[in-house]
Amino acid sequence: MSGRAGSGLLGPVTGQRVGNRIGTAQAARPGWERMGQMVEIEQTALPGIGLRHEFTTRSGRRIGIVSHRTGRRDLVIYDRNDPDRAGESVTLNDEEADALAELLGAPRVVQRLNDLHREVEGLVSEKLPIGENSPYAGRPMGDARVRTRTGASIVAVVRGAHVVTSPAPDFVLAAGDLVVVVGSAEAVNAVADILAQG
């Protein structure tokens, strides 16, 4: 770990937080509920730096992610006795941030989708394969225009042992991928046809 209290994320002398708080919201993602409560995430603008998102764990530890405009990410664990001071911070590049997100999120993707399926009537989730003859193998996912054409959403792509959650439109699909789609049964069937036939 690197970066002790106040290193680049907080005021240089006093350790006070910088930036203007622009909103506090409860996370609405399925699976974030804890003991009947939602995890509250605070977002703070850091002028000239980027954004900081913070939440407090059930045990009382405060954790933050600072997203720099340069693309760098800092994982911050605040001092237990002074929540305004960073006790430890770890700097992550894009690849490391993606790896951490995958490790934390991948095992829960299917569980969250199944929970959501049970909670929302008429909503289904399916893993649809990208075959070797799919017109979208080797092409950006956005080319399929799935949401525009069907109303369903691609929420993840499973590639071997790896899960890419919330893939961007420029994510290139490959033969053998499993595309996780959420929507009505009719919409999901339509996505299956699109991925298979175009």
Protein backbone atom coordinates (compact mmCIF):
# COMPACT_ATOMS: atom_id res chain seq x y z
CA MET A 1 0.00 0.00 0.00
CA SER A 2 1.11 3.53 -0.59
CA GLY A 3 0.02 7.01 0.36
CA ARG A 4 -0.41 7.76 4.01
CA ALA A 5 -2.85 10.25 5.52
CA GLY A 6 -3.49 13.28 3.37
CA SER A 7 -1.47 12.16 0.35
CA GLY A 8 -2.90 14.00 -2.64
CA LEU A 9 -6.53 13.22 -1.84
CA LEU A 10 -7.10 15.51 1.11
CA GLY A 11 -5.97 18.97 2.17
CA PRO A 12 -2.16 19.01 2.28
CA VAL A 13 -1.85 20.15 5.89
CA THR A 14 -5.13 19.78 7.77
CA GLY A 15 -6.39 16.65 6.08
CA GLN A 16 -9.74 18.30 5.37
CA ARG A 17 -11.80 17.04 2.49
CA VAL A 18 -11.73 19.13 -0.65
CA GLY A 19 -14.41 19.59 -3.29
CA ASN A 20 -18.13 20.22 -3.20
CA ARG A 21 -20.55 17.48 -2.30
CA ILE A 22 -22.92 17.15 -5.22
CA GLY A 23 -25.26 14.49 -3.96
CA THR A 24 -25.91 11.59 -1.66
CA ALA A 25 -27.87 8.66 -3.00
CA GLN A 26 -28.68 5.13 -2.09
CA ALA A 27 -27.28 2.47 -4.39
CA ALA A 28 -30.10 0.99 -6.39
CA ARG A 29 -28.28 -2.04 -7.75
CA PRO A 30 -29.77 -5.41 -6.83
CA GLY A 31 -27.73 -7.24 -4.24
CA TRP A 32 -26.63 -4.07 -2.43
CA GLU A 33 -29.23 -4.41 0.30
CA ARG A 34 -27.80 -5.17 3.73
CA MET A 35 -30.06 -6.25 6.57
CA GLY A 36 -33.00 -4.41 4.98
CA GLN A 37 -30.97 -1.24 4.35
CA MET A 38 -29.33 0.10 1.24
CA VAL A 39 -25.66 1.03 1.04
CA GLU A 40 -25.51 4.82 0.97
CA ILE A 41 -22.95 6.18 -1.49
CA GLU A 42 -21.80 9.79 -1.33
CA GLN A 43 -20.41 11.49 -4.43
CA THR A 44 -18.12 14.50 -4.09
CA ALA A 45 -16.67 16.65 -6.86
CA LEU A 46 -12.94 17.32 -6.51
CA PRO A 47 -12.13 20.44 -8.56
CA GLY A 48 -9.21 19.85 -10.86
CA ILE A 49 -9.01 16.18 -9.84
CA GLY A 50 -12.20 14.28 -10.59
CA LEU A 51 -14.83 12.56 -8.45
CA ARG A 52 -14.80 10.74 -5.13
CA HIS A 53 -17.36 8.10 -4.13
CA GLU A 54 -17.53 6.95 -0.52
CA PHE A 55 -19.52 4.57 1.65
CA THR A 56 -19.37 3.24 5.19
CA THR A 57 -19.18 -0.48 5.83
CA ARG A 58 -21.37 -2.27 8.35
CA SER A 59 -18.37 -2.41 10.69
CA GLY A 60 -18.01 1.38 10.54
CA ARG A 61 -15.00 1.67 8.22
CA ARG A 62 -15.20 4.38 5.58
CA ILE A 63 -14.00 3.49 2.08
CA GLY A 64 -13.61 5.78 -0.92
CA ILE A 65 -12.74 5.61 -4.61
CA VAL A 66 -11.18 8.70 -6.18
CA SER A 67 -11.60 8.74 -9.97
CA HIS A 68 -9.07 11.11 -11.50
CA ARG A 69 -9.64 12.83 -14.83
CA THR A 70 -6.52 11.08 -16.08
CA GLY A 71 -8.21 7.69 -15.59
CA ARG A 72 -6.26 6.81 -12.45
CA ARG A 73 -8.19 5.34 -9.52
CA ASP A 74 -7.29 5.60 -5.85
CA LEU A 75 -8.80 3.14 -3.38
CA VAL A 76 -8.88 4.92 -0.02
CA ILE A 77 -9.45 3.48 3.44
CA TYR A 78 -10.08 6.26 5.93
CA ASP A 79 -8.66 6.45 9.43
CA ARG A 80 -10.91 4.59 11.89
CA ASN A 81 -10.67 7.42 14.44
CA ASP A 82 -10.86 10.31 11.97
CA PRO A 83 -13.08 9.67 8.93
CA ASP A 84 -11.77 12.86 7.29
CA ARG A 85 -8.23 11.49 7.02
CA ALA A 86 -6.98 8.79 4.67
CA GLY A 87 -5.31 6.01 6.63
CA GLU A 88 -4.17 4.09 3.55
CA SER A 89 -4.57 4.50 -0.19
CA VAL A 90 -3.72 2.31 -3.16
CA THR A 91 -3.32 3.70 -6.68
CA LEU A 92 -4.75 1.53 -9.47
CA ASN A 93 -4.34 1.87 -13.22
CA ASP A 94 -7.19 0.98 -15.59
CA GLU A 95 -6.25 -2.69 -15.84
CA GLU A 96 -5.87 -3.07 -12.08
CA ALA A 97 -9.17 -1.29 -11.41
CA ASP A 98 -10.91 -3.59 -13.90
CA ALA A 99 -9.33 -6.66 -12.28
CA LEU A 100 -10.46 -5.56 -8.81
CA ALA A 101 -14.00 -4.86 -10.04
CA GLU A 102 -14.10 -8.28 -11.67
CA LEU A 103 -12.89 -10.06 -8.53
CA LEU A 104 -15.45 -8.29 -6.37
CA GLY A 105 -18.35 -8.36 -8.80
CA ALA A 106 -18.12 -11.44 -10.97
CA PRO A 107 -19.18 -14.08 -8.41
CA ARG A 108 -22.31 -12.05 -7.58
CA VAL A 109 -23.53 -11.21 -11.09
CA VAL A 110 -25.68 -14.32 -11.55
CA GLN A 111 -26.93 -14.15 -7.95
CA ARG A 112 -28.00 -10.54 -8.39
CA LEU A 113 -29.75 -11.28 -11.66
CA ASN A 114 -31.59 -14.23 -10.11
CA ASP A 115 -32.65 -12.06 -7.16
CA LEU A 116 -33.86 -9.37 -9.55
CA HIS A 117 -35.72 -11.96 -11.59
CA ARG A 118 -37.61 -13.10 -8.50
CA GLU A 119 -38.41 -9.55 -7.41
CA VAL A 120 -39.64 -8.14 -10.72
CA GLU A 121 -42.55 -9.92 -12.37
CA GLY A 122 -42.06 -10.57 -16.07
CA LEU A 123 -38.30 -9.94 -16.01
CA VAL A 124 -35.99 -12.71 -17.15
CA SER A 125 -32.24 -13.06 -17.52
CA GLU A 126 -30.52 -15.38 -19.99
CA LYS A 127 -26.97 -16.18 -21.05
CA LEU A 128 -26.91 -16.13 -24.84
CA PRO A 129 -23.92 -17.55 -26.75
CA ILE A 130 -22.00 -15.79 -29.48
CA GLY A 131 -21.51 -18.54 -32.06
CA GLU A 132 -18.70 -18.73 -34.57
CA ASN A 133 -21.17 -17.78 -37.30
CA SER A 134 -22.72 -14.89 -35.38
CA PRO A 135 -22.64 -11.69 -37.43
CA TYR A 136 -21.42 -9.88 -34.30
CA ALA A 137 -18.42 -12.08 -33.51
CA GLY A 138 -15.42 -9.76 -33.74
CA ARG A 139 -17.59 -6.64 -33.79
CA PRO A 140 -18.37 -3.99 -31.14
CA MET A 141 -21.40 -4.89 -29.05
CA GLY A 142 -23.04 -1.56 -29.90
CA ASP A 143 -23.37 -2.59 -33.54
CA ALA A 144 -26.20 -4.95 -32.55
CA ARG A 145 -28.26 -2.03 -31.14
CA VAL A 146 -29.88 -4.50 -28.75
CA ARG A 147 -31.52 -2.01 -26.40
CA THR A 148 -32.85 0.16 -29.24
CA ARG A 149 -34.26 -2.81 -31.16
CA THR A 150 -35.65 -4.89 -28.29
CA GLY A 151 -35.72 -2.89 -25.04
CA ALA A 152 -33.58 -5.56 -23.34
CA SER A 153 -30.19 -4.80 -21.77
CA ILE A 154 -26.85 -6.56 -21.95
CA VAL A 155 -25.58 -6.43 -18.37
CA ALA A 156 -22.50 -8.65 -18.61
CA VAL A 157 -20.39 -10.76 -20.93
CA VAL A 158 -18.85 -14.03 -19.73
CA ARG A 159 -15.61 -14.87 -21.53
CA GLY A 160 -14.05 -18.07 -20.24
CA ALA A 161 -13.40 -17.61 -16.54
CA HIS A 162 -13.82 -13.84 -16.73
CA VAL A 163 -16.96 -11.73 -16.39
CA VAL A 164 -17.14 -8.23 -17.85
CA THR A 165 -19.95 -6.35 -16.10
CA SER A 166 -21.75 -3.44 -17.76
CA PRO A 167 -19.78 -3.73 -21.01
CA ALA A 168 -19.52 -0.52 -23.05
CA PRO A 169 -20.88 -0.30 -26.62
CA ASP A 170 -17.32 -0.48 -27.99
CA PHE A 171 -16.69 -3.83 -26.22
CA VAL A 172 -15.76 -6.29 -28.97
CA LEU A 173 -17.66 -9.56 -28.82
CA ALA A 174 -15.90 -12.83 -29.61
CA ALA A 175 -17.06 -16.29 -30.60
CA GLY A 176 -17.61 -18.32 -27.43
CA ASP A 177 -18.74 -15.34 -25.34
CA LEU A 178 -21.88 -15.69 -23.25
CA VAL A 179 -23.91 -12.48 -23.27
CA VAL A 180 -26.04 -11.94 -20.14
CA VAL A 181 -29.28 -10.25 -21.19
CA VAL A 182 -32.07 -8.90 -18.95
CA GLY A 183 -35.56 -7.99 -20.17
CA SER A 184 -38.96 -9.43 -20.90
CA ALA A 185 -39.08 -12.98 -22.24
CA GLU A 186 -40.08 -11.65 -25.66
CA ALA A 187 -37.24 -9.11 -25.70
CA VAL A 188 -34.64 -11.68 -24.63
CA ASN A 189 -35.80 -14.05 -27.39
CA ALA A 190 -35.45 -11.19 -29.86
CA VAL A 191 -31.89 -10.56 -28.68
CA ALA A 192 -31.09 -14.25 -29.21
CA ASP A 193 -32.27 -13.94 -32.81
CA ILE A 194 -30.24 -10.77 -33.35
CA LEU A 195 -27.04 -12.27 -31.99
CA ALA A 196 -27.50 -15.40 -34.07
CA GLN A 197 -28.77 -13.92 -37.32
CA GLY A 198 -28.25 -10.16 -37.26
